[in-house]
Amino acid sequence: MIHQTWKETSTIKKVKCIHTDAKKYMVNRVLTEGKTYEVKNETEEFLFVLDNSGKIGGFYKEYFEEVE
């Protein structure tokens, strides 16, 4: 049940949202283009970030680019 403590865990890296043009889902409600987000967990296909709603959400990596 690692997902229950993601908010308190340290940030892995930071990413910037480059677009919210989703084919299937409405990600523009919880992501803002140009905003930087903290990555709390990562898989091959998804990044789990603290989104605009204040909760952890899983999003395809195609919406982000890594920032330094």
N, C-alpha and C. Protein backbone atom coordinates (compact mmCIF):
# COMPACT_ATOMS: atom_id res chain seq x y z
N MET A 1 0.81 -1.18 0.00
CA MET A 1 0.00 0.00 0.00
C MET A 1 0.86 1.26 0.00
N ILE A 2 1.88 1.24 -0.82
CA ILE A 2 2.82 2.36 -0.91
C ILE A 2 2.13 3.66 -1.34
N HIS A 3 1.05 3.56 -2.10
CA HIS A 3 0.37 4.75 -2.61
C HIS A 3 -0.20 5.62 -1.49
N GLN A 4 -0.40 5.07 -0.30
CA GLN A 4 -0.96 5.83 0.80
C GLN A 4 0.04 6.80 1.43
N THR A 5 1.33 6.60 1.18
CA THR A 5 2.34 7.48 1.78
C THR A 5 3.11 8.29 0.74
N TRP A 6 2.67 8.30 -0.51
CA TRP A 6 3.38 9.02 -1.56
C TRP A 6 3.50 10.51 -1.30
N LYS A 7 2.49 11.13 -0.71
CA LYS A 7 2.54 12.57 -0.45
C LYS A 7 3.69 12.93 0.47
N GLU A 8 3.99 12.07 1.43
CA GLU A 8 5.03 12.35 2.41
C GLU A 8 6.42 11.92 1.95
N THR A 9 6.51 11.11 0.91
CA THR A 9 7.82 10.64 0.45
C THR A 9 8.58 11.75 -0.26
N SER A 10 9.88 11.55 -0.36
CA SER A 10 10.71 12.56 -1.02
C SER A 10 10.45 12.56 -2.53
N THR A 11 10.71 13.69 -3.14
CA THR A 11 10.50 13.85 -4.57
C THR A 11 11.65 13.19 -5.33
N ILE A 12 11.30 12.38 -6.35
CA ILE A 12 12.31 11.71 -7.17
C ILE A 12 12.97 12.70 -8.13
N LYS A 13 12.13 13.48 -8.81
CA LYS A 13 12.59 14.49 -9.75
C LYS A 13 11.46 15.46 -10.01
N LYS A 14 11.74 16.50 -10.77
CA LYS A 14 10.70 17.46 -11.14
C LYS A 14 10.51 17.41 -12.65
N VAL A 15 9.27 17.56 -13.07
CA VAL A 15 8.93 17.55 -14.49
C VAL A 15 8.03 18.74 -14.79
N LYS A 16 8.07 19.16 -16.05
CA LYS A 16 7.25 20.28 -16.51
C LYS A 16 6.21 19.73 -17.47
N CYS A 17 4.98 20.14 -17.29
CA CYS A 17 3.89 19.72 -18.18
C CYS A 17 4.04 20.45 -19.51
N ILE A 18 4.15 19.70 -20.61
CA ILE A 18 4.35 20.33 -21.91
C ILE A 18 3.05 20.42 -22.73
N HIS A 19 2.05 19.59 -22.39
CA HIS A 19 0.75 19.71 -23.04
C HIS A 19 -0.30 18.95 -22.25
N THR A 20 -1.56 19.28 -22.49
CA THR A 20 -2.68 18.59 -21.85
C THR A 20 -3.66 18.09 -22.89
N ASP A 21 -3.16 17.83 -24.10
CA ASP A 21 -4.01 17.35 -25.20
C ASP A 21 -4.18 15.84 -25.10
N ALA A 22 -5.05 15.41 -24.24
CA ALA A 22 -5.29 13.98 -24.03
C ALA A 22 -6.32 13.48 -25.03
N LYS A 23 -6.10 12.27 -25.52
CA LYS A 23 -7.02 11.67 -26.48
C LYS A 23 -8.25 11.11 -25.79
N LYS A 24 -8.08 10.60 -24.58
CA LYS A 24 -9.15 9.87 -23.93
C LYS A 24 -9.64 10.51 -22.63
N TYR A 25 -8.74 11.14 -21.88
CA TYR A 25 -9.09 11.66 -20.57
C TYR A 25 -9.00 13.18 -20.54
N MET A 26 -9.60 13.80 -19.54
CA MET A 26 -9.57 15.26 -19.41
C MET A 26 -8.51 15.65 -18.38
N VAL A 27 -7.27 15.65 -18.79
CA VAL A 27 -6.18 15.96 -17.87
C VAL A 27 -6.02 17.46 -17.63
N ASN A 28 -6.64 18.29 -18.46
CA ASN A 28 -6.50 19.74 -18.27
C ASN A 28 -7.19 20.23 -17.00
N ARG A 29 -7.96 19.39 -16.35
CA ARG A 29 -8.59 19.76 -15.08
C ARG A 29 -7.61 19.65 -13.91
N VAL A 30 -6.59 18.81 -14.05
CA VAL A 30 -5.66 18.59 -12.93
C VAL A 30 -4.22 18.91 -13.27
N LEU A 31 -3.92 19.19 -14.53
CA LEU A 31 -2.58 19.59 -14.95
C LEU A 31 -2.66 20.93 -15.65
N THR A 32 -1.62 21.74 -15.49
CA THR A 32 -1.54 23.03 -16.15
C THR A 32 -0.30 23.04 -17.03
N GLU A 33 -0.50 23.35 -18.30
CA GLU A 33 0.62 23.41 -19.24
C GLU A 33 1.62 24.46 -18.79
N GLY A 34 2.91 24.08 -18.73
CA GLY A 34 3.96 24.99 -18.32
C GLY A 34 4.29 24.94 -16.84
N LYS A 35 3.47 24.29 -16.03
CA LYS A 35 3.71 24.20 -14.59
C LYS A 35 4.64 23.03 -14.28
N THR A 36 5.44 23.17 -13.22
CA THR A 36 6.36 22.13 -12.79
C THR A 36 5.72 21.32 -11.67
N TYR A 37 5.88 20.00 -11.75
CA TYR A 37 5.30 19.07 -10.78
C TYR A 37 6.37 18.19 -10.17
N GLU A 38 6.13 17.74 -8.95
CA GLU A 38 7.04 16.84 -8.24
C GLU A 38 6.64 15.40 -8.52
N VAL A 39 7.60 14.59 -8.95
CA VAL A 39 7.35 13.18 -9.23
C VAL A 39 7.59 12.39 -7.95
N LYS A 40 6.58 11.64 -7.53
CA LYS A 40 6.66 10.84 -6.31
C LYS A 40 6.95 9.37 -6.60
N ASN A 41 6.57 8.90 -7.79
CA ASN A 41 6.84 7.52 -8.19
C ASN A 41 6.81 7.47 -9.71
N GLU A 42 7.46 6.45 -10.27
CA GLU A 42 7.57 6.35 -11.72
C GLU A 42 7.55 4.88 -12.13
N THR A 43 6.86 4.60 -13.24
CA THR A 43 6.89 3.28 -13.86
C THR A 43 7.36 3.46 -15.29
N GLU A 44 7.36 2.40 -16.06
CA GLU A 44 7.80 2.52 -17.46
C GLU A 44 6.90 3.44 -18.26
N GLU A 45 5.61 3.46 -17.95
CA GLU A 45 4.64 4.20 -18.75
C GLU A 45 4.09 5.46 -18.07
N PHE A 46 4.10 5.48 -16.75
CA PHE A 46 3.44 6.55 -16.00
C PHE A 46 4.38 7.28 -15.05
N LEU A 47 4.01 8.55 -14.79
CA LEU A 47 4.61 9.34 -13.71
C LEU A 47 3.49 9.63 -12.71
N PHE A 48 3.79 9.48 -11.44
CA PHE A 48 2.82 9.78 -10.40
C PHE A 48 3.26 11.08 -9.75
N VAL A 49 2.45 12.13 -9.98
CA VAL A 49 2.81 13.47 -9.54
C VAL A 49 1.74 14.04 -8.61
N LEU A 50 2.15 15.03 -7.83
CA LEU A 50 1.21 15.78 -7.00
C LEU A 50 0.56 16.82 -7.90
N ASP A 51 -0.69 16.59 -8.30
CA ASP A 51 -1.34 17.44 -9.31
C ASP A 51 -2.04 18.65 -8.69
N ASN A 52 -2.76 19.41 -9.51
CA ASN A 52 -3.41 20.65 -9.08
C ASN A 52 -4.49 20.43 -8.03
N SER A 53 -5.04 19.22 -7.94
CA SER A 53 -6.08 18.93 -6.95
C SER A 53 -5.49 18.67 -5.57
N GLY A 54 -4.14 18.57 -5.49
CA GLY A 54 -3.49 18.30 -4.22
C GLY A 54 -3.36 16.82 -3.93
N LYS A 55 -3.73 15.99 -4.90
CA LYS A 55 -3.65 14.54 -4.74
C LYS A 55 -2.61 13.98 -5.71
N ILE A 56 -2.21 12.75 -5.47
CA ILE A 56 -1.27 12.07 -6.37
C ILE A 56 -2.06 11.49 -7.53
N GLY A 57 -1.64 11.80 -8.75
CA GLY A 57 -2.28 11.27 -9.94
C GLY A 57 -1.26 10.62 -10.84
N GLY A 58 -1.68 9.57 -11.54
CA GLY A 58 -0.81 8.89 -12.48
C GLY A 58 -1.11 9.36 -13.90
N PHE A 59 -0.08 9.81 -14.61
CA PHE A 59 -0.25 10.36 -15.95
C PHE A 59 0.79 9.77 -16.88
N TYR A 60 0.44 9.64 -18.16
CA TYR A 60 1.39 9.18 -19.16
C TYR A 60 2.59 10.12 -19.20
N LYS A 61 3.75 9.57 -19.46
CA LYS A 61 4.98 10.36 -19.51
C LYS A 61 4.98 11.36 -20.66
N GLU A 62 4.14 11.14 -21.67
CA GLU A 62 4.12 12.01 -22.85
C GLU A 62 3.68 13.44 -22.53
N TYR A 63 3.07 13.67 -21.37
CA TYR A 63 2.62 15.01 -20.99
C TYR A 63 3.74 15.85 -20.36
N PHE A 64 4.89 15.26 -20.10
CA PHE A 64 5.93 15.92 -19.33
C PHE A 64 7.29 15.90 -20.01
N GLU A 65 8.13 16.83 -19.56
CA GLU A 65 9.56 16.79 -19.87
C GLU A 65 10.29 17.07 -18.58
N GLU A 66 11.44 16.43 -18.43
CA GLU A 66 12.21 16.55 -17.19
C GLU A 66 12.91 17.90 -17.12
N VAL A 67 12.89 18.50 -15.93
CA VAL A 67 13.59 19.76 -15.70
C VAL A 67 14.72 19.52 -14.71
N GLU A 68 15.69 20.41 -14.72
CA GLU A 68 16.83 20.23 -13.81
C GLU A 68 16.86 21.25 -12.72
